[in-house]
Amino acid sequence: MSQSVDETLEFRPRWGADDLLTAVAVDAGTGAVLMVAHMNADALAATLATGEAHYWSRSRRELWHKGATSGAIQRVVEIRVDCDQDCLLLRVEPAGPACHTGRQDCFYRRLDGGRLVMIGDGE
């Protein structure tokens, strides 16, 4: 194995130029990808402190407690860190839809020959 491979057990997040990490939320029970969001240091700290997912809203430029207004809280079961430590995988137990449209996940369309096509639940 190459010496350049980072297998340290020290958590050293590699924040992007915008001071954010990408965070992918997946359903801990089904493995379905629910959403992709971003975390800054405050969102990560709040997530670790509460056990519920907090993100940084790039559009609103504010800390966002997922489900605080909708009730669709995401209880964090596990956080995994990718090899470069610039992306987090949150295994969550969702208390409702992940998408602001009311859908279970944010990936309800697929690209088909350059155009978007709606897909059904579970596809």
PDB file of N, CA and C in Angstrom:
ATOM      1  N   MET A   1       0.850  -1.181   0.000  1.00  0.00           N
ATOM      2  CA  MET A   1       0.000   0.000   0.000  1.00  0.00           C
ATOM      3  C   MET A   1       0.890   1.236   0.000  1.00  0.00           C
ATOM      4  N   SER A   2       0.516   2.221  -0.764  1.00  0.00           N
ATOM      5  CA  SER A   2       1.287   3.449  -0.907  1.00  0.00           C
ATOM      6  C   SER A   2       1.335   4.223   0.409  1.00  0.00           C
ATOM      7  N   GLN A   3       2.477   4.847   0.674  1.00  0.00           N
ATOM      8  CA  GLN A   3       2.639   5.652   1.877  1.00  0.00           C
ATOM      9  C   GLN A   3       1.795   6.922   1.801  1.00  0.00           C
ATOM     10  N   SER A   4       1.356   7.328   0.614  1.00  0.00           N
ATOM     11  CA  SER A   4       0.570   8.552   0.470  1.00  0.00           C
ATOM     12  C   SER A   4      -0.895   8.346   0.866  1.00  0.00           C
ATOM     13  N   VAL A   5      -1.287   7.119   1.094  1.00  0.00           N
ATOM     14  CA  VAL A   5      -2.655   6.822   1.490  1.00  0.00           C
ATOM     15  C   VAL A   5      -2.845   7.248   2.939  1.00  0.00           C
ATOM     16  N   ASP A   6      -3.874   8.067   3.165  1.00  0.00           N
ATOM     17  CA  ASP A   6      -4.145   8.570   4.511  1.00  0.00           C
ATOM     18  C   ASP A   6      -5.129   7.651   5.203  1.00  0.00           C
ATOM     19  N   GLU A   7      -4.653   6.926   6.167  1.00  0.00           N
ATOM     20  CA  GLU A   7      -5.519   6.051   6.946  1.00  0.00           C
ATOM     21  C   GLU A   7      -5.477   6.428   8.417  1.00  0.00           C
ATOM     22  N   THR A   8      -5.199   7.693   8.682  1.00  0.00           N
ATOM     23  CA  THR A   8      -5.134   8.164  10.055  1.00  0.00           C
ATOM     24  C   THR A   8      -6.492   8.035  10.743  1.00  0.00           C
ATOM     25  N   LEU A   9      -6.461   7.881  12.027  1.00  0.00           N
ATOM     26  CA  LEU A   9      -7.693   7.854  12.809  1.00  0.00           C
ATOM     27  C   LEU A   9      -7.928   9.196  13.496  1.00  0.00           C
ATOM     28  N   GLU A  10      -7.147  10.194  13.120  1.00  0.00           N
ATOM     29  CA  GLU A  10      -7.331  11.547  13.633  1.00  0.00           C
ATOM     30  C   GLU A  10      -8.292  12.283  12.701  1.00  0.00           C
ATOM     31  N   PHE A  11      -9.350  12.836  13.275  1.00  0.00           N
ATOM     32  CA  PHE A  11     -10.324  13.576  12.460  1.00  0.00           C
ATOM     33  C   PHE A  11      -9.750  14.948  12.144  1.00  0.00           C
ATOM     34  N   ARG A  12      -9.461  15.150  10.852  1.00  0.00           N
ATOM     35  CA  ARG A  12      -8.902  16.407  10.362  1.00  0.00           C
ATOM     36  C   ARG A  12      -9.698  16.838   9.129  1.00  0.00           C
ATOM     37  N   PRO A  13     -10.871  17.423   9.340  1.00  0.00           N
ATOM     38  CA  PRO A  13     -11.697  17.798   8.190  1.00  0.00           C
ATOM     39  C   PRO A  13     -10.958  18.728   7.241  1.00  0.00           C
ATOM     40  N   ARG A  14     -11.117  18.471   5.955  1.00  0.00           N
ATOM     41  CA  ARG A  14     -10.527  19.328   4.919  1.00  0.00           C
ATOM     42  C   ARG A  14     -11.637  20.229   4.394  1.00  0.00           C
ATOM     43  N   TRP A  15     -11.828  21.342   5.079  1.00  0.00           N
ATOM     44  CA  TRP A  15     -12.865  22.304   4.711  1.00  0.00           C
ATOM     45  C   TRP A  15     -12.542  22.881   3.342  1.00  0.00           C
ATOM     46  N   GLY A  16     -13.569  23.108   2.540  1.00  0.00           N
ATOM     47  CA  GLY A  16     -13.386  23.710   1.232  1.00  0.00           C
ATOM     48  C   GLY A  16     -13.057  25.187   1.350  1.00  0.00           C
ATOM     49  N   ALA A  17     -12.823  25.822   0.218  1.00  0.00           N
ATOM     50  CA  ALA A  17     -12.523  27.257   0.190  1.00  0.00           C
ATOM     51  C   ALA A  17     -13.650  28.067   0.810  1.00  0.00           C
ATOM     52  N   ASP A  18     -14.852  27.515   0.799  1.00  0.00           N
ATOM     53  CA  ASP A  18     -16.023  28.176   1.385  1.00  0.00           C
ATOM     54  C   ASP A  18     -16.245  27.760   2.841  1.00  0.00           C
ATOM     55  N   ASP A  19     -15.256  27.059   3.424  1.00  0.00           N
ATOM     56  CA  ASP A  19     -15.328  26.556   4.804  1.00  0.00           C
ATOM     57  C   ASP A  19     -16.463  25.563   5.014  1.00  0.00           C
ATOM     58  N   LEU A  20     -16.752  24.767   3.978  1.00  0.00           N
ATOM     59  CA  LEU A  20     -17.823  23.778   4.041  1.00  0.00           C
ATOM     60  C   LEU A  20     -17.299  22.387   3.712  1.00  0.00           C
ATOM     61  N   LEU A  21     -18.010  21.391   4.243  1.00  0.00           N
ATOM     62  CA  LEU A  21     -17.837  19.992   3.864  1.00  0.00           C
ATOM     63  C   LEU A  21     -19.128  19.548   3.193  1.00  0.00           C
ATOM     64  N   THR A  22     -19.041  18.704   2.186  1.00  0.00           N
ATOM     65  CA  THR A  22     -20.227  18.091   1.613  1.00  0.00           C
ATOM     66  C   THR A  22     -20.712  17.027   2.581  1.00  0.00           C
ATOM     67  N   ALA A  23     -22.042  16.942   2.756  1.00  0.00           N
ATOM     68  CA  ALA A  23     -22.636  15.946   3.641  1.00  0.00           C
ATOM     69  C   ALA A  23     -23.736  15.211   2.882  1.00  0.00           C
ATOM     70  N   VAL A  24     -23.601  13.909   2.778  1.00  0.00           N
ATOM     71  CA  VAL A  24     -24.580  13.072   2.095  1.00  0.00           C
ATOM     72  C   VAL A  24     -25.380  12.330   3.163  1.00  0.00           C
ATOM     73  N   ALA A  25     -26.690  12.532   3.166  1.00  0.00           N
ATOM     74  CA  ALA A  25     -27.557  11.852   4.137  1.00  0.00           C
ATOM     75  C   ALA A  25     -28.193  10.634   3.481  1.00  0.00           C
ATOM     76  N   VAL A  26     -28.030   9.473   4.124  1.00  0.00           N
ATOM     77  CA  VAL A  26     -28.638   8.237   3.637  1.00  0.00           C
ATOM     78  C   VAL A  26     -29.495   7.642   4.744  1.00  0.00           C
ATOM     79  N   ASP A  27     -30.545   6.959   4.342  1.00  0.00           N
ATOM     80  CA  ASP A  27     -31.421   6.289   5.292  1.00  0.00           C
ATOM     81  C   ASP A  27     -30.658   5.113   5.890  1.00  0.00           C
ATOM     82  N   ALA A  28     -30.492   5.108   7.208  1.00  0.00           N
ATOM     83  CA  ALA A  28     -29.728   4.055   7.871  1.00  0.00           C
ATOM     84  C   ALA A  28     -30.366   2.678   7.695  1.00  0.00           C
ATOM     85  N   GLY A  29     -31.676   2.636   7.512  1.00  0.00           N
ATOM     86  CA  GLY A  29     -32.366   1.363   7.362  1.00  0.00           C
ATOM     87  C   GLY A  29     -32.327   0.791   5.959  1.00  0.00           C
ATOM     88  N   THR A  30     -32.495   1.659   4.964  1.00  0.00           N
ATOM     89  CA  THR A  30     -32.598   1.190   3.580  1.00  0.00           C
ATOM     90  C   THR A  30     -31.353   1.447   2.742  1.00  0.00           C
ATOM     91  N   GLY A  31     -30.529   2.393   3.178  1.00  0.00           N
ATOM     92  CA  GLY A  31     -29.355   2.769   2.397  1.00  0.00           C
ATOM     93  C   GLY A  31     -29.667   3.760   1.293  1.00  0.00           C
ATOM     94  N   ALA A  32     -30.924   4.168   1.165  1.00  0.00           N
ATOM     95  CA  ALA A  32     -31.301   5.113   0.112  1.00  0.00           C
ATOM     96  C   ALA A  32     -30.661   6.474   0.360  1.00  0.00           C
ATOM     97  N   VAL A  33     -30.143   7.066  -0.711  1.00  0.00           N
ATOM     98  CA  VAL A  33     -29.600   8.415  -0.619  1.00  0.00           C
ATOM     99  C   VAL A  33     -30.775   9.378  -0.502  1.00  0.00           C
ATOM    100  N   LEU A  34     -30.789  10.167   0.570  1.00  0.00           N
ATOM    101  CA  LEU A  34     -31.897  11.079   0.822  1.00  0.00           C
ATOM    102  C   LEU A  34     -31.624  12.478   0.289  1.00  0.00           C
ATOM    103  N   MET A  35     -30.442  12.997   0.565  1.00  0.00           N
ATOM    104  CA  MET A  35     -30.136  14.366   0.176  1.00  0.00           C
ATOM    105  C   MET A  35     -28.638  14.611   0.272  1.00  0.00           C
ATOM    106  N   VAL A  36     -28.213  15.681  -0.380  1.00  0.00           N
ATOM    107  CA  VAL A  36     -26.839  16.161  -0.285  1.00  0.00           C
ATOM    108  C   VAL A  36     -26.922  17.596   0.208  1.00  0.00           C
ATOM    109  N   ALA A  37     -26.137  17.899   1.228  1.00  0.00           N
ATOM    110  CA  ALA A  37     -26.132  19.244   1.792  1.00  0.00           C
ATOM    111  C   ALA A  37     -24.693  19.595   2.155  1.00  0.00           C
ATOM    112  N   HIS A  38     -24.540  20.643   2.927  1.00  0.00           N
ATOM    113  CA  HIS A  38     -23.210  21.087   3.339  1.00  0.00           C
ATOM    114  C   HIS A  38     -23.203  21.393   4.823  1.00  0.00           C
ATOM    115  N   MET A  39     -22.036  21.258   5.421  1.00  0.00           N
ATOM    116  CA  MET A  39     -21.865  21.567   6.837  1.00  0.00           C
ATOM    117  C   MET A  39     -20.677  22.500   7.003  1.00  0.00           C
ATOM    118  N   ASN A  40     -20.848  23.499   7.860  1.00  0.00           N
ATOM    119  CA  ASN A  40     -19.697  24.264   8.311  1.00  0.00           C
ATOM    120  C   ASN A  40     -19.343  23.739   9.697  1.00  0.00           C
ATOM    121  N   ALA A  41     -18.360  24.347  10.352  1.00  0.00           N
ATOM    122  CA  ALA A  41     -17.923  23.860  11.658  1.00  0.00           C
ATOM    123  C   ALA A  41     -19.053  23.916  12.685  1.00  0.00           C
ATOM    124  N   ASP A  42     -19.882  24.963  12.633  1.00  0.00           N
ATOM    125  CA  ASP A  42     -20.992  25.084  13.588  1.00  0.00           C
ATOM    126  C   ASP A  42     -22.042  23.997  13.364  1.00  0.00           C
ATOM    127  N   ALA A  43     -22.341  23.687  12.102  1.00  0.00           N
ATOM    128  CA  ALA A  43     -23.327  22.651  11.796  1.00  0.00           C
ATOM    129  C   ALA A  43     -22.822  21.286  12.262  1.00  0.00           C
ATOM    130  N   LEU A  44     -21.550  21.021  12.032  1.00  0.00           N
ATOM    131  CA  LEU A  44     -20.971  19.748  12.482  1.00  0.00           C
ATOM    132  C   LEU A  44     -20.997  19.670  14.006  1.00  0.00           C
ATOM    133  N   ALA A  45     -20.629  20.753  14.680  1.00  0.00           N
ATOM    134  CA  ALA A  45     -20.634  20.760  16.144  1.00  0.00           C
ATOM    135  C   ALA A  45     -22.048  20.548  16.689  1.00  0.00           C
ATOM    136  N   ALA A  46     -23.043  21.199  16.088  1.00  0.00           N
ATOM    137  CA  ALA A  46     -24.431  21.046  16.534  1.00  0.00           C
ATOM    138  C   ALA A  46     -24.923  19.624  16.299  1.00  0.00           C
ATOM    139  N   THR A  47     -24.539  19.033  15.183  1.00  0.00           N
ATOM    140  CA  THR A  47     -24.913  17.649  14.883  1.00  0.00           C
ATOM    141  C   THR A  47     -24.321  16.698  15.915  1.00  0.00           C
ATOM    142  N   LEU A  48     -23.051  16.873  16.216  1.00  0.00           N
ATOM    143  CA  LEU A  48     -22.392  16.010  17.197  1.00  0.00           C
ATOM    144  C   LEU A  48     -22.981  16.201  18.591  1.00  0.00           C
ATOM    145  N   ALA A  49     -23.347  17.428  18.931  1.00  0.00           N
ATOM    146  CA  ALA A  49     -23.879  17.722  20.265  1.00  0.00           C
ATOM    147  C   ALA A  49     -25.299  17.202  20.471  1.00  0.00           C
ATOM    148  N   THR A  50     -26.121  17.244  19.412  1.00  0.00           N
ATOM    149  CA  THR A  50     -27.543  16.911  19.559  1.00  0.00           C
ATOM    150  C   THR A  50     -27.915  15.532  19.044  1.00  0.00           C
ATOM    151  N   GLY A  51     -27.103  14.962  18.147  1.00  0.00           N
ATOM    152  CA  GLY A  51     -27.458  13.689  17.527  1.00  0.00           C
ATOM    153  C   GLY A  51     -28.488  13.843  16.425  1.00  0.00           C
ATOM    154  N   GLU A  52     -28.780  15.079  16.044  1.00  0.00           N
ATOM    155  CA  GLU A  52     -29.697  15.371  14.939  1.00  0.00           C
ATOM    156  C   GLU A  52     -28.954  16.196  13.895  1.00  0.00           C
ATOM    157  N   ALA A  53     -29.292  15.970  12.624  1.00  0.00           N
ATOM    158  CA  ALA A  53     -28.567  16.612  11.532  1.00  0.00           C
ATOM    159  C   ALA A  53     -28.807  18.117  11.491  1.00  0.00           C
ATOM    160  N   HIS A  54     -27.711  18.841  11.418  1.00  0.00           N
ATOM    161  CA  HIS A  54     -27.706  20.283  11.198  1.00  0.00           C
ATOM    162  C   HIS A  54     -26.840  20.527   9.968  1.00  0.00           C
ATOM    163  N   TYR A  55     -27.245  21.463   9.150  1.00  0.00           N
ATOM    164  CA  TYR A  55     -26.508  21.779   7.932  1.00  0.00           C
ATOM    165  C   TYR A  55     -26.317  23.286   7.840  1.00  0.00           C
ATOM    166  N   TRP A  56     -25.515  23.695   6.856  1.00  0.00           N
ATOM    167  CA  TRP A  56     -25.354  25.100   6.540  1.00  0.00           C
ATOM    168  C   TRP A  56     -26.106  25.355   5.237  1.00  0.00           C
ATOM    169  N   SER A  57     -27.058  26.268   5.284  1.00  0.00           N
ATOM    170  CA  SER A  57     -27.809  26.621   4.079  1.00  0.00           C
ATOM    171  C   SER A  57     -27.009  27.643   3.286  1.00  0.00           C
ATOM    172  N   ARG A  58     -26.542  27.229   2.114  1.00  0.00           N
ATOM    173  CA  ARG A  58     -25.778  28.147   1.270  1.00  0.00           C
ATOM    174  C   ARG A  58     -26.664  29.251   0.731  1.00  0.00           C
ATOM    175  N   SER A  59     -27.928  28.951   0.440  1.00  0.00           N
ATOM    176  CA  SER A  59     -28.814  29.975  -0.127  1.00  0.00           C
ATOM    177  C   SER A  59     -29.254  30.992   0.930  1.00  0.00           C
ATOM    178  N   ARG A  60     -29.541  30.526   2.138  1.00  0.00           N
ATOM    179  CA  ARG A  60     -29.984  31.436   3.203  1.00  0.00           C
ATOM    180  C   ARG A  60     -28.830  31.944   4.053  1.00  0.00           C
ATOM    181  N   ARG A  61     -27.654  31.307   3.881  1.00  0.00           N
ATOM    182  CA  ARG A  61     -26.462  31.672   4.639  1.00  0.00           C
ATOM    183  C   ARG A  61     -26.708  31.618   6.144  1.00  0.00           C
ATOM    184  N   GLU A  62     -27.286  30.473   6.576  1.00  0.00           N
ATOM    185  CA  GLU A  62     -27.557  30.299   8.001  1.00  0.00           C
ATOM    186  C   GLU A  62     -27.533  28.828   8.374  1.00  0.00           C
ATOM    187  N   LEU A  63     -27.319  28.579   9.670  1.00  0.00           N
ATOM    188  CA  LEU A  63     -27.372  27.233  10.204  1.00  0.00           C
ATOM    189  C   LEU A  63     -28.795  26.714  10.092  1.00  0.00           C
ATOM    190  N   TRP A  64     -28.927  25.432   9.742  1.00  0.00           N
ATOM    191  CA  TRP A  64     -30.234  24.851   9.464  1.00  0.00           C
ATOM    192  C   TRP A  64     -30.355  23.521  10.191  1.00  0.00           C
ATOM    193  N   HIS A  65     -31.271  23.438  11.145  1.00  0.00           N
ATOM    194  CA  HIS A  65     -31.562  22.193  11.857  1.00  0.00           C
ATOM    195  C   HIS A  65     -32.604  21.460  11.022  1.00  0.00           C
ATOM    196  N   LYS A  66     -32.194  20.403  10.358  1.00  0.00           N
ATOM    197  CA  LYS A  66     -33.088  19.672   9.456  1.00  0.00           C
ATOM    198  C   LYS A  66     -34.330  19.210  10.204  1.00  0.00           C
ATOM    199  N   GLY A  67     -35.491  19.636   9.714  1.00  0.00           N
ATOM    200  CA  GLY A  67     -36.759  19.224  10.289  1.00  0.00           C
ATOM    201  C   GLY A  67     -37.274  20.113  11.406  1.00  0.00           C
ATOM    202  N   ALA A  68     -36.553  21.171  11.761  1.00  0.00           N
ATOM    203  CA  ALA A  68     -36.978  22.034  12.866  1.00  0.00           C
ATOM    204  C   ALA A  68     -38.357  22.637  12.615  1.00  0.00           C
ATOM    205  N   THR A  69     -38.672  22.966  11.371  1.00  0.00           N
ATOM    206  CA  THR A  69     -40.000  23.532  11.076  1.00  0.00           C
ATOM    207  C   THR A  69     -40.952  22.492  10.504  1.00  0.00           C
ATOM    208  N   SER A  70     -40.430  21.505   9.774  1.00  0.00           N
ATOM    209  CA  SER A  70     -41.291  20.512   9.123  1.00  0.00           C
ATOM    210  C   SER A  70     -41.587  19.301  10.010  1.00  0.00           C
ATOM    211  N   GLY A  71     -40.755  19.071  11.008  1.00  0.00           N
ATOM    212  CA  GLY A  71     -40.883  17.874  11.832  1.00  0.00           C
ATOM    213  C   GLY A  71     -40.120  16.687  11.276  1.00  0.00           C
ATOM    214  N   ALA A  72     -39.534  16.834  10.097  1.00  0.00           N
ATOM    215  CA  ALA A  72     -38.811  15.735   9.453  1.00  0.00           C
ATOM    216  C   ALA A  72     -37.356  15.704   9.929  1.00  0.00           C
ATOM    217  N   ILE A  73     -37.190  15.559  11.228  1.00  0.00           N
ATOM    218  CA  ILE A  73     -35.864  15.508  11.856  1.00  0.00           C
ATOM    219  C   ILE A  73     -35.094  14.298  11.322  1.00  0.00           C
ATOM    220  N   GLN A  74     -33.796  14.448  11.221  1.00  0.00           N
ATOM    221  CA  GLN A  74     -32.929  13.326  10.860  1.00  0.00           C
ATOM    222  C   GLN A  74     -32.074  12.978  12.076  1.00  0.00           C
ATOM    223  N   ARG A  75     -32.390  11.847  12.719  1.00  0.00           N
ATOM    224  CA  ARG A  75     -31.576  11.392  13.852  1.00  0.00           C
ATOM    225  C   ARG A  75     -30.350  10.687  13.294  1.00  0.00           C
ATOM    226  N   VAL A  76     -29.194  11.147  13.702  1.00  0.00           N
ATOM    227  CA  VAL A  76     -27.941  10.620  13.165  1.00  0.00           C
ATOM    228  C   VAL A  76     -27.555   9.340  13.903  1.00  0.00           C
ATOM    229  N   VAL A  77     -27.404   8.271  13.142  1.00  0.00           N
ATOM    230  CA  VAL A  77     -27.003   6.968  13.668  1.00  0.00           C
ATOM    231  C   VAL A  77     -25.489   6.830  13.620  1.00  0.00           C
ATOM    232  N   GLU A  78     -24.896   7.343  12.541  1.00  0.00           N
ATOM    233  CA  GLU A  78     -23.455   7.192  12.333  1.00  0.00           C
ATOM    234  C   GLU A  78     -22.996   8.261  11.350  1.00  0.00           C
ATOM    235  N   ILE A  79     -21.782   8.744  11.561  1.00  0.00           N
ATOM    236  CA  ILE A  79     -21.153   9.646  10.592  1.00  0.00           C
ATOM    237  C   ILE A  79     -19.888   8.967  10.101  1.00  0.00           C
ATOM    238  N   ARG A  80     -19.802   8.813   8.798  1.00  0.00           N
ATOM    239  CA  ARG A  80     -18.598   8.263   8.186  1.00  0.00           C
ATOM    240  C   ARG A  80     -17.863   9.394   7.468  1.00  0.00           C
ATOM    241  N   VAL A  81     -16.553   9.261   7.399  1.00  0.00           N
ATOM    242  CA  VAL A  81     -15.698  10.275   6.798  1.00  0.00           C
ATOM    243  C   VAL A  81     -14.994   9.651   5.606  1.00  0.00           C
ATOM    244  N   ASP A  82     -14.988  10.340   4.469  1.00  0.00           N
ATOM    245  CA  ASP A  82     -14.331   9.769   3.296  1.00  0.00           C
ATOM    246  C   ASP A  82     -12.816   9.843   3.436  1.00  0.00           C
ATOM    247  N   CYS A  83     -12.120   9.210   2.501  1.00  0.00           N
ATOM    248  CA  CYS A  83     -10.666   9.062   2.571  1.00  0.00           C
ATOM    249  C   CYS A  83      -9.928  10.393   2.601  1.00  0.00           C
ATOM    250  N   ASP A  84     -10.457  11.407   1.957  1.00  0.00           N
ATOM    251  CA  ASP A  84      -9.819  12.722   1.926  1.00  0.00           C
ATOM    252  C   ASP A  84     -10.265  13.625   3.068  1.00  0.00           C
ATOM    253  N   GLN A  85     -11.234  13.179   3.844  1.00  0.00           N
ATOM    254  CA  GLN A  85     -11.823  13.936   4.947  1.00  0.00           C
ATOM    255  C   GLN A  85     -12.434  15.260   4.472  1.00  0.00           C
ATOM    256  N   ASP A  86     -12.973  15.244   3.236  1.00  0.00           N
ATOM    257  CA  ASP A  86     -13.647  16.447   2.740  1.00  0.00           C
ATOM    258  C   ASP A  86     -15.128  16.198   2.456  1.00  0.00           C
ATOM    259  N   CYS A  87     -15.616  15.029   2.871  1.00  0.00           N
ATOM    260  CA  CYS A  87     -17.019  14.679   2.678  1.00  0.00           C
ATOM    261  C   CYS A  87     -17.466  13.761   3.813  1.00  0.00           C
ATOM    262  N   LEU A  88     -18.688  14.006   4.284  1.00  0.00           N
ATOM    263  CA  LEU A  88     -19.256  13.176   5.343  1.00  0.00           C
ATOM    264  C   LEU A  88     -20.446  12.399   4.813  1.00  0.00           C
ATOM    265  N   LEU A  89     -20.605  11.191   5.301  1.00  0.00           N
ATOM    266  CA  LEU A  89     -21.774  10.366   5.009  1.00  0.00           C
ATOM    267  C   LEU A  89     -22.536  10.232   6.321  1.00  0.00           C
ATOM    268  N   LEU A  90     -23.734  10.782   6.368  1.00  0.00           N
ATOM    269  CA  LEU A  90     -24.555  10.696   7.568  1.00  0.00           C
ATOM    270  C   LEU A  90     -25.574   9.592   7.379  1.00  0.00           C
ATOM    271  N   ARG A  91     -25.494   8.556   8.198  1.00  0.00           N
ATOM    272  CA  ARG A  91     -26.514   7.510   8.212  1.00  0.00           C
ATOM    273  C   ARG A  91     -27.553   7.979   9.219  1.00  0.00           C
ATOM    274  N   VAL A  92     -28.778   8.218   8.738  1.00  0.00           N
ATOM    275  CA  VAL A  92     -29.804   8.842   9.567  1.00  0.00           C
ATOM    276  C   VAL A  92     -31.080   8.011   9.612  1.00  0.00           C
ATOM    277  N   GLU A  93     -31.854   8.254  10.663  1.00  0.00           N
ATOM    278  CA  GLU A  93     -33.215   7.739  10.749  1.00  0.00           C
ATOM    279  C   GLU A  93     -34.123   8.938  10.540  1.00  0.00           C
ATOM    280  N   PRO A  94     -34.711   9.041   9.343  1.00  0.00           N
ATOM    281  CA  PRO A  94     -35.543  10.208   9.037  1.00  0.00           C
ATOM    282  C   PRO A  94     -36.925  10.092   9.680  1.00  0.00           C
ATOM    283  N   ALA A  95     -37.416  11.213  10.207  1.00  0.00           N
ATOM    284  CA  ALA A  95     -38.754  11.243  10.808  1.00  0.00           C
ATOM    285  C   ALA A  95     -39.791  11.737   9.806  1.00  0.00           C
ATOM    286  N   GLY A  96     -39.420  11.792   8.544  1.00  0.00           N
ATOM    287  CA  GLY A  96     -40.324  12.253   7.499  1.00  0.00           C
ATOM    288  C   GLY A  96     -39.549  12.478   6.225  1.00  0.00           C
ATOM    289  N   PRO A  97     -40.177  13.119   5.249  1.00  0.00           N
ATOM    290  CA  PRO A  97     -39.526  13.356   3.963  1.00  0.00           C
ATOM    291  C   PRO A  97     -38.251  14.172   4.106  1.00  0.00           C
ATOM    292  N   ALA A  98     -37.262  13.857   3.297  1.00  0.00           N
ATOM    293  CA  ALA A  98     -36.004  14.602   3.310  1.00  0.00           C
ATOM    294  C   ALA A  98     -36.079  15.843   2.429  1.00  0.00           C
ATOM    295  N   CYS A  99     -36.899  15.799   1.392  1.00  0.00           N
ATOM    296  CA  CYS A  99     -36.945  16.879   0.408  1.00  0.00           C
ATOM    297  C   CYS A  99     -37.969  17.944   0.789  1.00  0.00           C
ATOM    298  N   HIS A 100     -37.628  19.189   0.507  1.00  0.00           N
ATOM    299  CA  HIS A 100     -38.554  20.291   0.794  1.00  0.00           C
ATOM    300  C   HIS A 100     -39.809  20.237  -0.083  1.00  0.00           C
ATOM    301  N   THR A 101     -39.806  19.379  -1.104  1.00  0.00           N
ATOM    302  CA  THR A 101     -40.986  19.206  -1.953  1.00  0.00           C
ATOM    303  C   THR A 101     -41.989  18.237  -1.325  1.00  0.00           C
ATOM    304  N   GLY A 102     -41.588  17.597  -0.220  1.00  0.00           N
ATOM    305  CA  GLY A 102     -42.444  16.614   0.431  1.00  0.00           C
ATOM    306  C   GLY A 102     -42.147  15.189   0.008  1.00  0.00           C
ATOM    307  N   ARG A 103     -41.198  15.020  -0.906  1.00  0.00           N
ATOM    308  CA  ARG A 103     -40.820  13.669  -1.341  1.00  0.00           C
ATOM    309  C   ARG A 103     -39.865  13.040  -0.327  1.00  0.00           C
ATOM    310  N   GLN A 104     -39.790  11.723  -0.348  1.00  0.00           N
ATOM    311  CA  GLN A 104     -38.927  10.999   0.590  1.00  0.00           C
ATOM    312  C   GLN A 104     -37.465  11.365   0.421  1.00  0.00           C
ATOM    313  N   ASP A 105     -37.041  11.617  -0.817  1.00  0.00           N
ATOM    314  CA  ASP A 105     -35.661  12.014  -1.065  1.00  0.00           C
ATOM    315  C   ASP A 105     -35.636  13.103  -2.125  1.00  0.00           C
ATOM    316  N   CYS A 106     -34.475  13.685  -2.300  1.00  0.00           N
ATOM    317  CA  CYS A 106     -34.329  14.802  -3.244  1.00  0.00           C
ATOM    318  C   CYS A 106     -34.035  14.342  -4.669  1.00  0.00           C
ATOM    319  N   PHE A 107     -33.922  13.052  -4.883  1.00  0.00           N
ATOM    320  CA  PHE A 107     -33.527  12.515  -6.186  1.00  0.00           C
ATOM    321  C   PHE A 107     -34.718  11.859  -6.881  1.00  0.00           C
ATOM    322  N   TYR A 108     -35.707  12.658  -7.256  1.00  0.00           N
ATOM    323  CA  TYR A 108     -36.953  12.172  -7.841  1.00  0.00           C
ATOM    324  C   TYR A 108     -37.015  12.373  -9.357  1.00  0.00           C
ATOM    325  N   ARG A 109     -35.891  12.799  -9.934  1.00  0.00           N
ATOM    326  CA  ARG A 109     -35.810  12.962 -11.385  1.00  0.00           C
ATOM    327  C   ARG A 109     -34.537  12.296 -11.882  1.00  0.00           C
ATOM    328  N   ARG A 110     -34.586  11.822 -13.111  1.00  0.00           N
ATOM    329  CA  ARG A 110     -33.371  11.271 -13.716  1.00  0.00           C
ATOM    330  C   ARG A 110     -33.131  11.972 -15.033  1.00  0.00           C
ATOM    331  N   LEU A 111     -31.877  12.011 -15.422  1.00  0.00           N
ATOM    332  CA  LEU A 111     -31.494  12.625 -16.684  1.00  0.00           C
ATOM    333  C   LEU A 111     -31.589  11.575 -17.774  1.00  0.00           C
ATOM    334  N   ASP A 112     -32.357  11.865 -18.797  1.00  0.00           N
ATOM    335  CA  ASP A 112     -32.595  10.925 -19.887  1.00  0.00           C
ATOM    336  C   ASP A 112     -32.345  11.656 -21.200  1.00  0.00           C
ATOM    337  N   GLY A 113     -31.169  11.413 -21.777  1.00  0.00           N
ATOM    338  CA  GLY A 113     -30.854  12.031 -23.051  1.00  0.00           C
ATOM    339  C   GLY A 113     -30.848  13.556 -23.001  1.00  0.00           C
ATOM    340  N   GLY A 114     -30.456  14.128 -21.891  1.00  0.00           N
ATOM    341  CA  GLY A 114     -30.373  15.576 -21.783  1.00  0.00           C
ATOM    342  C   GLY A 114     -31.602  16.253 -21.217  1.00  0.00           C
ATOM    343  N   ARG A 115     -32.654  15.471 -20.929  1.00  0.00           N
ATOM    344  CA  ARG A 115     -33.841  16.086 -20.307  1.00  0.00           C
ATOM    345  C   ARG A 115     -34.197  15.336 -19.038  1.00  0.00           C
ATOM    346  N   LEU A 116     -34.879  16.039 -18.149  1.00  0.00           N
ATOM    347  CA  LEU A 116     -35.275  15.436 -16.883  1.00  0.00           C
ATOM    348  C   LEU A 116     -36.584  14.698 -17.022  1.00  0.00           C
ATOM    349  N   VAL A 117     -36.658  13.546 -16.360  1.00  0.00           N
ATOM    350  CA  VAL A 117     -37.850  12.708 -16.357  1.00  0.00           C
ATOM    351  C   VAL A 117     -38.170  12.389 -14.902  1.00  0.00           C
ATOM    352  N   MET A 118     -39.413  12.516 -14.529  1.00  0.00           N
ATOM    353  CA  MET A 118     -39.842  12.161 -13.176  1.00  0.00           C
ATOM    354  C   MET A 118     -39.746  10.648 -13.006  1.00  0.00           C
ATOM    355  N   ILE A 119     -39.326  10.213 -11.828  1.00  0.00           N
ATOM    356  CA  ILE A 119     -39.289   8.782 -11.534  1.00  0.00           C
ATOM    357  C   ILE A 119     -40.210   8.517 -10.348  1.00  0.00           C
ATOM    358  N   GLY A 120     -40.652   7.285 -10.232  1.00  0.00           N
ATOM    359  CA  GLY A 120     -41.537   6.904  -9.140  1.00  0.00           C
ATOM    360  C   GLY A 120     -40.750   6.589  -7.888  1.00  0.00           C
ATOM    361  N   ASP A 121     -41.438   6.544  -6.768  1.00  0.00           N
ATOM    362  CA  ASP A 121     -40.824   6.182  -5.493  1.00  0.00           C
ATOM    363  C   ASP A 121     -40.230   4.789  -5.599  1.00  0.00           C
ATOM    364  N   GLY A 122     -39.029   4.654  -5.084  1.00  0.00           N
ATOM    365  CA  GLY A 122     -38.389   3.347  -5.044  1.00  0.00           C
ATOM    366  C   GLY A 122     -37.667   2.971  -6.317  1.00  0.00           C
ATOM    367  N   GLU A 123     -37.730   3.819  -7.348  1.00  0.00           N
ATOM    368  CA  GLU A 123     -37.044   3.488  -8.604  1.00  0.00           C
ATOM    369  C   GLU A 123     -35.577   3.831  -8.528  1.00  0.00           C
TER     370      GLU A 123
END
